[in-house]
Amino acid sequence: MRTGIIARKVGMTRLYLADGTHVPVTVLRINNCQVLENKTQEKNGYTSITLGSEEAKAKNISKPQKEYFSKIKVAPKIKLKEFRVSDSNLIEKGKEIGANHFIVGQYIDATGTTIGKGFAGAMKRHNFGGLRASHGVSISHRSHGSTGNSQDPGRVFKGKKMAGHMGSRQRTIQNLQVVAADSDRGLIFIKGGVPGSKGSWLTLKDAVKKAVPNNAPFPAGFLGEEENSVKDIESTQESGQENNITTKQETLKEEKQNTLQEAKNDSSKEVEQESAENTKKESLSKEGEKSESSNQDKDKIVDQDASKEEEK
């Protein structure tokens, strides 16, 4: 199990592909995502990594935080997050993780805080239909109606759908595909939307319901190790198109060879048929000649017999 990363939401845009289609993507920025602390099974009872992202101003850091960062000899960070990892995926302190932590085409899970909507009514919060909009309703067209029974039980059941605070909750969107990654600028482009407004924090992890690709970097993708500037689906599509072209060429060659072989076989069959017909004709002609000669012999014998009778 690899570590996740901390990212900040920049906004949404679209990316055009080679075939002219476009994909809606969310742009996420990774800025100074460093390893701050490791926790091991022997010392803490579990294995985890603490990451920090984006340098904070000294005036916004409390005294205990200053002491903490001075001990680990890392610049103060705005956002800290702990990720559970396996023993083999521990990373030494101070290492910086980049956008190449996730590869193009990989599926990830994004966790963030949804946009707060404040105190919302039942129609907006729970998609209620509301009351009648014309007659028979007095100034309660958008109300949720009755909420409980009579004296028994004499209370409102827990979990009743009513008006209340909406949004501003932690939510996770699963199986989001990485469309492109720019390690130079620290940007990741994810297909679809993620929870939160512009500038909000997100944590990205390997998808729970999808297998991690074999070519994903282990234990993590460190900044500067791989200079894979903008890699997107177009490159994969181009490679796929090249493979398709080569396969098509190979199939065409095979078809040509097959057609040539079939033509050769057909020509050899025709030659065989012609030779067989010629042999048949020759045999028939020989039989005709034999029959004519035999007829001539018979006629001679008949003539001889007739002459003998006349002499008698």
C-alpha atoms as a PDB file:
ATOM      1  CA  MET A   1       0.000   0.000   0.000  1.00  0.00           C
ATOM      2  CA  ARG A   2       1.550   3.265  -1.196  1.00  0.00           C
ATOM      3  CA  THR A   3       1.225   6.684   0.362  1.00  0.00           C
ATOM      4  CA  GLY A   4      -1.204   9.284  -0.943  1.00  0.00           C
ATOM      5  CA  ILE A   5      -0.467  12.936  -1.687  1.00  0.00           C
ATOM      6  CA  ILE A   6      -1.887  16.324  -0.720  1.00  0.00           C
ATOM      7  CA  ALA A   7      -3.119  18.574  -3.533  1.00  0.00           C
ATOM      8  CA  ARG A   8      -4.958  21.862  -3.927  1.00  0.00           C
ATOM      9  CA  LYS A   9      -7.846  22.298  -6.366  1.00  0.00           C
ATOM     10  CA  VAL A  10      -7.124  24.890  -9.064  1.00  0.00           C
ATOM     11  CA  GLY A  11     -10.318  24.568 -11.107  1.00  0.00           C
ATOM     12  CA  MET A  12     -11.829  22.778 -14.091  1.00  0.00           C
ATOM     13  CA  THR A  13     -11.034  22.893 -17.793  1.00  0.00           C
ATOM     14  CA  ARG A  14     -11.015  20.598 -20.816  1.00  0.00           C
ATOM     15  CA  LEU A  15      -8.330  18.734 -22.713  1.00  0.00           C
ATOM     16  CA  TYR A  16      -8.633  18.053 -26.445  1.00  0.00           C
ATOM     17  CA  LEU A  17      -7.534  14.672 -27.709  1.00  0.00           C
ATOM     18  CA  ALA A  18      -6.002  13.715 -31.035  1.00  0.00           C
ATOM     19  CA  ASP A  19      -9.351  12.625 -32.492  1.00  0.00           C
ATOM     20  CA  GLY A  20     -10.925  16.028 -31.752  1.00  0.00           C
ATOM     21  CA  THR A  21     -12.953  14.986 -28.710  1.00  0.00           C
ATOM     22  CA  HIS A  22     -12.520  16.802 -25.428  1.00  0.00           C
ATOM     23  CA  VAL A  23     -12.447  15.519 -21.840  1.00  0.00           C
ATOM     24  CA  PRO A  24     -13.607  17.610 -18.846  1.00  0.00           C
ATOM     25  CA  VAL A  25     -10.834  17.580 -16.249  1.00  0.00           C
ATOM     26  CA  THR A  26     -10.108  18.975 -12.800  1.00  0.00           C
ATOM     27  CA  VAL A  27      -6.689  20.596 -12.374  1.00  0.00           C
ATOM     28  CA  LEU A  28      -4.894  19.828  -9.087  1.00  0.00           C
ATOM     29  CA  ARG A  29      -1.637  21.415  -7.953  1.00  0.00           C
ATOM     30  CA  ILE A  30       1.020  19.669  -5.836  1.00  0.00           C
ATOM     31  CA  ASN A  31       3.317  22.164  -4.134  1.00  0.00           C
ATOM     32  CA  ASN A  32       6.203  21.212  -1.800  1.00  0.00           C
ATOM     33  CA  CYS A  33       4.654  17.916  -0.689  1.00  0.00           C
ATOM     34  CA  GLN A  34       7.340  16.634   1.729  1.00  0.00           C
ATOM     35  CA  VAL A  35       7.641  13.730   4.112  1.00  0.00           C
ATOM     36  CA  LEU A  36       7.650  15.046   7.705  1.00  0.00           C
ATOM     37  CA  GLU A  37       7.416  11.957   9.913  1.00  0.00           C
ATOM     38  CA  ASN A  38       7.421   8.148   9.839  1.00  0.00           C
ATOM     39  CA  LYS A  39       5.616   5.920  12.308  1.00  0.00           C
ATOM     40  CA  THR A  40       6.618   2.272  12.628  1.00  0.00           C
ATOM     41  CA  GLN A  41       4.990  -0.849  14.008  1.00  0.00           C
ATOM     42  CA  GLU A  42       7.620  -1.303  16.742  1.00  0.00           C
ATOM     43  CA  LYS A  43       7.416   2.231  18.086  1.00  0.00           C
ATOM     44  CA  ASN A  44       3.833   3.377  17.388  1.00  0.00           C
ATOM     45  CA  GLY A  45       1.889   0.162  16.793  1.00  0.00           C
ATOM     46  CA  TYR A  46       1.142   0.967  13.147  1.00  0.00           C
ATOM     47  CA  THR A  47       2.953   2.136  10.001  1.00  0.00           C
ATOM     48  CA  SER A  48       2.238   5.534   8.463  1.00  0.00           C
ATOM     49  CA  ILE A  49       3.749   8.584   6.770  1.00  0.00           C
ATOM     50  CA  THR A  50       2.972  12.217   7.589  1.00  0.00           C
ATOM     51  CA  LEU A  51       3.098  14.626   4.646  1.00  0.00           C
ATOM     52  CA  GLY A  52       3.065  18.407   4.586  1.00  0.00           C
ATOM     53  CA  SER A  53       2.214  20.673   1.677  1.00  0.00           C
ATOM     54  CA  GLU A  54       2.936  24.337   0.835  1.00  0.00           C
ATOM     55  CA  GLU A  55       5.193  26.513   2.949  1.00  0.00           C
ATOM     56  CA  ALA A  56       3.464  28.639   5.597  1.00  0.00           C
ATOM     57  CA  LYS A  57       4.367  32.140   6.753  1.00  0.00           C
ATOM     58  CA  ALA A  58       6.120  32.370  10.100  1.00  0.00           C
ATOM     59  CA  LYS A  59       3.509  34.756  11.495  1.00  0.00           C
ATOM     60  CA  ASN A  60       0.760  32.166  10.916  1.00  0.00           C
ATOM     61  CA  ILE A  61       2.559  29.355  12.785  1.00  0.00           C
ATOM     62  CA  SER A  62       2.029  28.759  16.505  1.00  0.00           C
ATOM     63  CA  LYS A  63       4.915  28.240  18.925  1.00  0.00           C
ATOM     64  CA  PRO A  64       4.443  24.434  19.306  1.00  0.00           C
ATOM     65  CA  GLN A  65       4.330  24.074  15.523  1.00  0.00           C
ATOM     66  CA  LYS A  66       7.556  26.067  15.160  1.00  0.00           C
ATOM     67  CA  GLU A  67       9.286  23.733  17.613  1.00  0.00           C
ATOM     68  CA  TYR A  68       7.930  20.676  15.762  1.00  0.00           C
ATOM     69  CA  PHE A  69       9.196  21.855  12.371  1.00  0.00           C
ATOM     70  CA  SER A  70      12.541  22.959  13.805  1.00  0.00           C
ATOM     71  CA  LYS A  71      13.109  19.455  15.231  1.00  0.00           C
ATOM     72  CA  ILE A  72      12.511  17.727  11.905  1.00  0.00           C
ATOM     73  CA  LYS A  73      14.443  20.492  10.077  1.00  0.00           C
ATOM     74  CA  VAL A  74      11.719  21.165   7.509  1.00  0.00           C
ATOM     75  CA  ALA A  75      10.112  24.478   6.565  1.00  0.00           C
ATOM     76  CA  PRO A  76       6.676  25.036   8.179  1.00  0.00           C
ATOM     77  CA  LYS A  77       3.764  23.655   6.173  1.00  0.00           C
ATOM     78  CA  ILE A  78       0.170  24.806   5.810  1.00  0.00           C
ATOM     79  CA  LYS A  79      -1.497  21.403   5.439  1.00  0.00           C
ATOM     80  CA  LEU A  80      -0.481  18.166   7.185  1.00  0.00           C
ATOM     81  CA  LYS A  81      -1.943  14.717   6.555  1.00  0.00           C
ATOM     82  CA  GLU A  82      -1.118  11.202   7.742  1.00  0.00           C
ATOM     83  CA  PHE A  83      -1.335   8.207   5.376  1.00  0.00           C
ATOM     84  CA  ARG A  84      -1.259   4.531   6.328  1.00  0.00           C
ATOM     85  CA  VAL A  85       1.335   2.571   4.319  1.00  0.00           C
ATOM     86  CA  SER A  86       2.939  -0.863   4.303  1.00  0.00           C
ATOM     87  CA  ASP A  87       6.377  -1.448   5.840  1.00  0.00           C
ATOM     88  CA  SER A  88       8.064  -1.625   2.434  1.00  0.00           C
ATOM     89  CA  ASN A  89       6.688   1.781   1.360  1.00  0.00           C
ATOM     90  CA  LEU A  90       8.153   3.924   4.133  1.00  0.00           C
ATOM     91  CA  ILE A  91       9.982   7.050   2.883  1.00  0.00           C
ATOM     92  CA  GLU A  92      12.797   8.904   4.586  1.00  0.00           C
ATOM     93  CA  LYS A  93      12.153  12.367   5.984  1.00  0.00           C
ATOM     94  CA  GLY A  94      12.596  15.390   3.762  1.00  0.00           C
ATOM     95  CA  LYS A  95      11.832  13.600   0.488  1.00  0.00           C
ATOM     96  CA  GLU A  96       9.526  15.561  -1.828  1.00  0.00           C
ATOM     97  CA  ILE A  97       6.785  13.798  -3.792  1.00  0.00           C
ATOM     98  CA  GLY A  98       5.857  15.126  -7.228  1.00  0.00           C
ATOM     99  CA  ALA A  99       3.073  14.830  -9.791  1.00  0.00           C
ATOM    100  CA  ASN A 100       4.721  11.707 -11.243  1.00  0.00           C
ATOM    101  CA  HIS A 101       3.451   9.755  -8.220  1.00  0.00           C
ATOM    102  CA  PHE A 102       0.431   8.785 -10.363  1.00  0.00           C
ATOM    103  CA  ILE A 103       0.781   7.636 -13.967  1.00  0.00           C
ATOM    104  CA  VAL A 104      -1.470   8.446 -16.910  1.00  0.00           C
ATOM    105  CA  GLY A 105      -4.484   6.144 -17.101  1.00  0.00           C
ATOM    106  CA  GLN A 106      -4.347   5.186 -13.416  1.00  0.00           C
ATOM    107  CA  TYR A 107      -7.483   5.303 -11.251  1.00  0.00           C
ATOM    108  CA  ILE A 108      -7.413   7.188  -7.949  1.00  0.00           C
ATOM    109  CA  ASP A 109      -9.730   8.151  -5.071  1.00  0.00           C
ATOM    110  CA  ALA A 110     -10.077  11.868  -4.198  1.00  0.00           C
ATOM    111  CA  THR A 111     -11.187  12.949  -0.707  1.00  0.00           C
ATOM    112  CA  GLY A 112     -12.195  16.520   0.099  1.00  0.00           C
ATOM    113  CA  THR A 113     -14.743  18.756   1.820  1.00  0.00           C
ATOM    114  CA  THR A 114     -17.844  19.581  -0.210  1.00  0.00           C
ATOM    115  CA  ILE A 115     -19.009  23.140  -0.815  1.00  0.00           C
ATOM    116  CA  GLY A 116     -21.095  24.435   2.114  1.00  0.00           C
ATOM    117  CA  LYS A 117     -24.664  25.503   1.261  1.00  0.00           C
ATOM    118  CA  GLY A 118     -25.682  26.774   4.705  1.00  0.00           C
ATOM    119  CA  PHE A 119     -29.150  26.103   6.152  1.00  0.00           C
ATOM    120  CA  ALA A 120     -31.172  24.568   3.321  1.00  0.00           C
ATOM    121  CA  GLY A 121     -34.805  23.533   3.088  1.00  0.00           C
ATOM    122  CA  ALA A 122     -36.164  20.039   2.518  1.00  0.00           C
ATOM    123  CA  MET A 123     -36.716  20.565  -1.209  1.00  0.00           C
ATOM    124  CA  LYS A 124     -33.118  21.558  -1.846  1.00  0.00           C
ATOM    125  CA  ARG A 125     -31.503  19.296   0.738  1.00  0.00           C
ATOM    126  CA  HIS A 126     -33.509  16.095   0.160  1.00  0.00           C
ATOM    127  CA  ASN A 127     -35.176  16.743  -3.219  1.00  0.00           C
ATOM    128  CA  PHE A 128     -38.712  16.869  -1.777  1.00  0.00           C
ATOM    129  CA  GLY A 129     -41.538  17.730  -4.149  1.00  0.00           C
ATOM    130  CA  GLY A 130     -43.113  20.357  -1.893  1.00  0.00           C
ATOM    131  CA  LEU A 131     -46.784  21.131  -1.375  1.00  0.00           C
ATOM    132  CA  ARG A 132     -49.342  22.440  -3.878  1.00  0.00           C
ATOM    133  CA  ALA A 133     -48.337  25.634  -5.610  1.00  0.00           C
ATOM    134  CA  SER A 134     -51.870  27.054  -5.995  1.00  0.00           C
ATOM    135  CA  HIS A 135     -54.991  26.412  -3.911  1.00  0.00           C
ATOM    136  CA  GLY A 136     -55.316  24.881  -0.499  1.00  0.00           C
ATOM    137  CA  VAL A 137     -51.869  25.801   0.837  1.00  0.00           C
ATOM    138  CA  SER A 138     -51.232  28.875   2.943  1.00  0.00           C
ATOM    139  CA  ILE A 139     -47.654  30.233   2.801  1.00  0.00           C
ATOM    140  CA  SER A 140     -46.048  26.771   3.079  1.00  0.00           C
ATOM    141  CA  HIS A 141     -45.490  25.755  -0.515  1.00  0.00           C
ATOM    142  CA  ARG A 142     -41.918  24.566   0.071  1.00  0.00           C
ATOM    143  CA  SER A 143     -42.344  23.064   3.531  1.00  0.00           C
ATOM    144  CA  HIS A 144     -41.601  19.401   4.284  1.00  0.00           C
ATOM    145  CA  GLY A 145     -44.987  18.673   5.865  1.00  0.00           C
ATOM    146  CA  SER A 146     -45.569  16.751   9.093  1.00  0.00           C
ATOM    147  CA  THR A 147     -42.574  15.290  10.898  1.00  0.00           C
ATOM    148  CA  GLY A 148     -43.995  12.924  13.512  1.00  0.00           C
ATOM    149  CA  ASN A 149     -46.942  10.953  14.856  1.00  0.00           C
ATOM    150  CA  SER A 150     -49.405  11.735  17.659  1.00  0.00           C
ATOM    151  CA  GLN A 151     -48.945  11.153  21.394  1.00  0.00           C
ATOM    152  CA  ASP A 152     -47.444   7.747  20.651  1.00  0.00           C
ATOM    153  CA  PRO A 153     -44.440   7.876  20.271  1.00  0.00           C
ATOM    154  CA  GLY A 154     -44.674  11.605  20.920  1.00  0.00           C
ATOM    155  CA  ARG A 155     -41.326  12.401  19.310  1.00  0.00           C
ATOM    156  CA  VAL A 156     -39.579  12.706  15.943  1.00  0.00           C
ATOM    157  CA  PHE A 157     -37.643   9.634  14.867  1.00  0.00           C
ATOM    158  CA  LYS A 158     -33.892   9.975  14.460  1.00  0.00           C
ATOM    159  CA  GLY A 159     -32.707  10.421  10.900  1.00  0.00           C
ATOM    160  CA  LYS A 160     -35.900  12.147   9.759  1.00  0.00           C
ATOM    161  CA  LYS A 161     -35.289  14.125   6.565  1.00  0.00           C
ATOM    162  CA  MET A 162     -35.810  17.745   7.486  1.00  0.00           C
ATOM    163  CA  ALA A 163     -34.367  21.161   6.759  1.00  0.00           C
ATOM    164  CA  GLY A 164     -30.864  21.762   8.116  1.00  0.00           C
ATOM    165  CA  HIS A 165     -27.216  22.430   7.365  1.00  0.00           C
ATOM    166  CA  MET A 166     -26.245  21.268   3.887  1.00  0.00           C
ATOM    167  CA  GLY A 167     -22.790  20.609   2.483  1.00  0.00           C
ATOM    168  CA  SER A 168     -19.392  21.153   4.129  1.00  0.00           C
ATOM    169  CA  ARG A 169     -18.906  17.400   4.660  1.00  0.00           C
ATOM    170  CA  GLN A 170     -15.981  15.121   3.886  1.00  0.00           C
ATOM    171  CA  ARG A 171     -16.685  13.037   0.819  1.00  0.00           C
ATOM    172  CA  THR A 172     -14.657  10.650  -1.366  1.00  0.00           C
ATOM    173  CA  ILE A 173     -15.083  10.225  -5.119  1.00  0.00           C
ATOM    174  CA  GLN A 174     -13.776   6.841  -6.273  1.00  0.00           C
ATOM    175  CA  ASN A 175     -12.290   5.602  -9.561  1.00  0.00           C
ATOM    176  CA  LEU A 176     -11.246   8.931 -11.085  1.00  0.00           C
ATOM    177  CA  GLN A 177      -8.911   8.515 -14.064  1.00  0.00           C
ATOM    178  CA  VAL A 178      -5.663  10.469 -14.403  1.00  0.00           C
ATOM    179  CA  VAL A 179      -5.784  12.059 -17.866  1.00  0.00           C
ATOM    180  CA  ALA A 180      -2.449  13.912 -17.795  1.00  0.00           C
ATOM    181  CA  ALA A 181       0.404  14.874 -15.454  1.00  0.00           C
ATOM    182  CA  ASP A 182       2.886  17.759 -15.630  1.00  0.00           C
ATOM    183  CA  SER A 183       5.692  17.118 -13.154  1.00  0.00           C
ATOM    184  CA  ASP A 184       7.506  20.363 -14.064  1.00  0.00           C
ATOM    185  CA  ARG A 185       4.605  22.533 -12.905  1.00  0.00           C
ATOM    186  CA  GLY A 186       3.286  20.038 -10.362  1.00  0.00           C
ATOM    187  CA  LEU A 187      -0.124  19.617 -12.030  1.00  0.00           C
ATOM    188  CA  ILE A 188      -2.385  16.575 -12.263  1.00  0.00           C
ATOM    189  CA  PHE A 189      -5.399  16.487 -14.588  1.00  0.00           C
ATOM    190  CA  ILE A 190      -8.212  14.213 -13.410  1.00  0.00           C
ATOM    191  CA  LYS A 191     -11.241  13.271 -15.475  1.00  0.00           C
ATOM    192  CA  GLY A 192     -14.470  14.586 -13.931  1.00  0.00           C
ATOM    193  CA  GLY A 193     -15.201  16.629 -10.825  1.00  0.00           C
ATOM    194  CA  VAL A 194     -13.947  16.386  -7.251  1.00  0.00           C
ATOM    195  CA  PRO A 195     -15.511  17.669  -4.011  1.00  0.00           C
ATOM    196  CA  GLY A 196     -14.712  21.178  -2.820  1.00  0.00           C
ATOM    197  CA  SER A 197     -14.424  24.670  -4.217  1.00  0.00           C
ATOM    198  CA  LYS A 198     -11.434  26.307  -5.929  1.00  0.00           C
ATOM    199  CA  GLY A 199      -8.458  26.486  -3.583  1.00  0.00           C
ATOM    200  CA  SER A 200      -9.692  23.685  -1.311  1.00  0.00           C
ATOM    201  CA  TRP A 201      -7.459  20.818  -0.126  1.00  0.00           C
ATOM    202  CA  LEU A 202      -7.713  17.268  -1.409  1.00  0.00           C
ATOM    203  CA  THR A 203      -6.013  13.989  -0.594  1.00  0.00           C
ATOM    204  CA  LEU A 204      -5.352  11.599  -3.480  1.00  0.00           C
ATOM    205  CA  LYS A 205      -4.785   7.867  -3.049  1.00  0.00           C
ATOM    206  CA  ASP A 206      -4.564   4.783  -5.229  1.00  0.00           C
ATOM    207  CA  ALA A 207      -8.050   3.498  -6.049  1.00  0.00           C
ATOM    208  CA  VAL A 208      -9.309   0.891  -3.617  1.00  0.00           C
ATOM    209  CA  LYS A 209     -11.475  -0.870  -6.213  1.00  0.00           C
ATOM    210  CA  LYS A 210      -8.848  -0.884  -8.989  1.00  0.00           C
ATOM    211  CA  ALA A 211      -5.451  -2.567  -9.159  1.00  0.00           C
ATOM    212  CA  VAL A 212      -2.353  -0.376  -8.997  1.00  0.00           C
ATOM    213  CA  PRO A 213      -0.508  -0.437 -12.364  1.00  0.00           C
ATOM    214  CA  ASN A 214       2.740  -2.400 -12.476  1.00  0.00           C
ATOM    215  CA  ASN A 215       4.691   0.594 -13.810  1.00  0.00           C
ATOM    216  CA  ALA A 216       3.613   2.877 -10.948  1.00  0.00           C
ATOM    217  CA  PRO A 217       6.619   4.189  -8.970  1.00  0.00           C
ATOM    218  CA  PHE A 218       7.336   2.465  -5.648  1.00  0.00           C
ATOM    219  CA  PRO A 219       7.438   3.544  -2.875  1.00  0.00           C
ATOM    220  CA  ALA A 220       6.496   6.925  -4.405  1.00  0.00           C
ATOM    221  CA  GLY A 221       7.150   9.271  -7.329  1.00  0.00           C
ATOM    222  CA  PHE A 222       9.807  11.712  -6.129  1.00  0.00           C
ATOM    223  CA  LEU A 223      10.279  15.155  -7.604  1.00  0.00           C
ATOM    224  CA  GLY A 224      13.174  15.371 -10.068  1.00  0.00           C
ATOM    225  CA  GLU A 225      13.677  11.631 -10.505  1.00  0.00           C
ATOM    226  CA  GLU A 226      11.456  11.386 -13.558  1.00  0.00           C
ATOM    227  CA  GLU A 227      11.107  14.351 -15.856  1.00  0.00           C
ATOM    228  CA  ASN A 228       7.913  13.271 -17.478  1.00  0.00           C
ATOM    229  CA  SER A 229       6.480  16.585 -18.631  1.00  0.00           C
ATOM    230  CA  VAL A 230       2.953  16.574 -19.889  1.00  0.00           C
ATOM    231  CA  LYS A 231       1.960  12.953 -20.505  1.00  0.00           C
ATOM    232  CA  ASP A 232      -1.630  12.575 -21.583  1.00  0.00           C
ATOM    233  CA  ILE A 233      -3.984  10.124 -23.185  1.00  0.00           C
ATOM    234  CA  GLU A 234      -3.040  11.353 -26.656  1.00  0.00           C
ATOM    235  CA  SER A 235       0.367   9.666 -26.409  1.00  0.00           C
ATOM    236  CA  THR A 236      -1.262   6.413 -25.357  1.00  0.00           C
ATOM    237  CA  GLN A 237      -3.797   6.758 -28.149  1.00  0.00           C
ATOM    238  CA  GLU A 238      -1.054   7.493 -30.677  1.00  0.00           C
ATOM    239  CA  SER A 239       0.861   4.421 -29.568  1.00  0.00           C
ATOM    240  CA  GLY A 240      -2.353   2.443 -29.775  1.00  0.00           C
ATOM    241  CA  GLN A 241      -2.998   3.818 -33.261  1.00  0.00           C
ATOM    242  CA  GLU A 242       0.551   2.879 -34.309  1.00  0.00           C
ATOM    243  CA  ASN A 243       0.010  -0.627 -32.984  1.00  0.00           C
ATOM    244  CA  ASN A 244      -3.291  -0.789 -34.857  1.00  0.00           C
ATOM    245  CA  ILE A 245      -1.568   0.391 -38.053  1.00  0.00           C
ATOM    246  CA  THR A 246       1.158  -2.249 -37.728  1.00  0.00           C
ATOM    247  CA  THR A 247      -1.397  -4.947 -37.044  1.00  0.00           C
ATOM    248  CA  LYS A 248      -3.446  -3.803 -40.041  1.00  0.00           C
ATOM    249  CA  GLN A 249      -0.349  -3.871 -42.241  1.00  0.00           C
ATOM    250  CA  GLU A 250       0.484  -7.363 -41.028  1.00  0.00           C
ATOM    251  CA  THR A 251      -3.064  -8.522 -41.693  1.00  0.00           C
ATOM    252  CA  LEU A 252      -2.968  -7.001 -45.191  1.00  0.00           C
ATOM    253  CA  LYS A 253       0.305  -8.783 -45.915  1.00  0.00           C
ATOM    254  CA  GLU A 254      -1.171 -12.056 -44.681  1.00  0.00           C
ATOM    255  CA  GLU A 255      -4.271 -11.505 -46.827  1.00  0.00           C
ATOM    256  CA  LYS A 256      -2.116 -10.776 -49.895  1.00  0.00           C
ATOM    257  CA  GLN A 257      -0.063 -13.905 -49.255  1.00  0.00           C
ATOM    258  CA  ASN A 258      -3.220 -15.927 -48.818  1.00  0.00           C
ATOM    259  CA  THR A 259      -4.711 -14.543 -52.038  1.00  0.00           C
ATOM    260  CA  LEU A 260      -1.509 -15.290 -53.947  1.00  0.00           C
ATOM    261  CA  GLN A 261      -1.410 -18.791 -52.552  1.00  0.00           C
ATOM    262  CA  GLU A 262      -5.060 -19.283 -53.462  1.00  0.00           C
ATOM    263  CA  ALA A 263      -4.377 -17.997 -56.994  1.00  0.00           C
ATOM    264  CA  LYS A 264      -1.463 -20.407 -57.337  1.00  0.00           C
ATOM    265  CA  ASN A 265      -3.590 -23.257 -56.093  1.00  0.00           C
ATOM    266  CA  ASP A 266      -6.379 -22.298 -58.513  1.00  0.00           C
ATOM    267  CA  SER A 267      -3.936 -22.104 -61.452  1.00  0.00           C
ATOM    268  CA  SER A 268      -2.455 -25.496 -60.561  1.00  0.00           C
ATOM    269  CA  LYS A 269      -5.958 -26.928 -60.326  1.00  0.00           C
ATOM    270  CA  GLU A 270      -6.826 -25.484 -63.753  1.00  0.00           C
ATOM    271  CA  VAL A 271      -3.640 -26.964 -65.246  1.00  0.00           C
ATOM    272  CA  GLU A 272      -4.477 -30.332 -63.721  1.00  0.00           C
ATOM    273  CA  GLN A 273      -8.018 -30.123 -65.073  1.00  0.00           C
ATOM    274  CA  GLU A 274      -6.758 -29.218 -68.574  1.00  0.00           C
ATOM    275  CA  SER A 275      -4.246 -32.088 -68.529  1.00  0.00           C
ATOM    276  CA  ALA A 276      -6.983 -34.466 -67.408  1.00  0.00           C
ATOM    277  CA  GLU A 277      -9.268 -33.238 -70.191  1.00  0.00           C
ATOM    278  CA  ASN A 278      -6.472 -33.651 -72.757  1.00  0.00           C
ATOM    279  CA  THR A 279      -5.782 -37.215 -71.609  1.00  0.00           C
ATOM    280  CA  LYS A 280      -9.504 -37.950 -71.841  1.00  0.00           C
ATOM    281  CA  LYS A 281      -9.636 -36.551 -75.369  1.00  0.00           C
ATOM    282  CA  GLU A 282      -6.593 -38.568 -76.408  1.00  0.00           C
ATOM    283  CA  SER A 283      -8.057 -41.743 -74.967  1.00  0.00           C
ATOM    284  CA  LEU A 284     -11.359 -41.054 -76.706  1.00  0.00           C
ATOM    285  CA  SER A 285      -9.614 -40.412 -80.037  1.00  0.00           C
ATOM    286  CA  LYS A 286      -7.608 -43.638 -79.695  1.00  0.00           C
ATOM    287  CA  GLU A 287     -10.776 -45.564 -78.922  1.00  0.00           C
ATOM    288  CA  GLY A 288     -12.437 -44.007 -81.989  1.00  0.00           C
ATOM    289  CA  GLU A 289      -9.537 -45.004 -84.214  1.00  0.00           C
ATOM    290  CA  LYS A 290      -9.615 -48.545 -82.825  1.00  0.00           C
ATOM    291  CA  SER A 291     -13.337 -48.769 -83.445  1.00  0.00           C
ATOM    292  CA  GLU A 292     -12.930 -47.508 -87.049  1.00  0.00           C
ATOM    293  CA  SER A 293     -10.132 -50.006 -87.762  1.00  0.00           C
ATOM    294  CA  SER A 294     -12.206 -52.840 -86.340  1.00  0.00           C
ATOM    295  CA  ASN A 295     -15.170 -51.770 -88.498  1.00  0.00           C
ATOM    296  CA  GLN A 296     -12.936 -51.710 -91.565  1.00  0.00           C
ATOM    297  CA  ASP A 297     -11.674 -55.238 -90.770  1.00  0.00           C
ATOM    298  CA  LYS A 298     -15.243 -56.441 -90.411  1.00  0.00           C
ATOM    299  CA  ASP A 299     -16.165 -54.901 -93.774  1.00  0.00           C
ATOM    300  CA  LYS A 300     -13.199 -56.624 -95.434  1.00  0.00           C
ATOM    301  CA  ILE A 301     -14.210 -59.980 -93.961  1.00  0.00           C
ATOM    302  CA  VAL A 302     -17.792 -59.489 -95.183  1.00  0.00           C
ATOM    303  CA  ASP A 303     -16.590 -58.587 -98.699  1.00  0.00           C
ATOM    304  CA  GLN A 304     -14.348 -61.669 -98.802  1.00  0.00           C
ATOM    305  CA  ASP A 305     -17.225 -63.875 -97.740  1.00  0.00           C
ATOM    306  CA  ALA A 306     -19.485 -62.374-100.443  1.00  0.00           C
ATOM    307  CA  SER A 307     -16.875 -62.895-103.166  1.00  0.00           C
ATOM    308  CA  LYS A 308     -16.424 -66.520-102.154  1.00  0.00           C
ATOM    309  CA  GLU A 309     -20.137 -67.143-102.343  1.00  0.00           C
ATOM    310  CA  GLU A 310     -20.300 -65.567-105.831  1.00  0.00           C
ATOM    311  CA  GLU A 311     -17.444 -67.817-107.054  1.00  0.00           C
ATOM    312  CA  LYS A 312     -19.318 -70.848-105.841  1.00  0.00           C
END
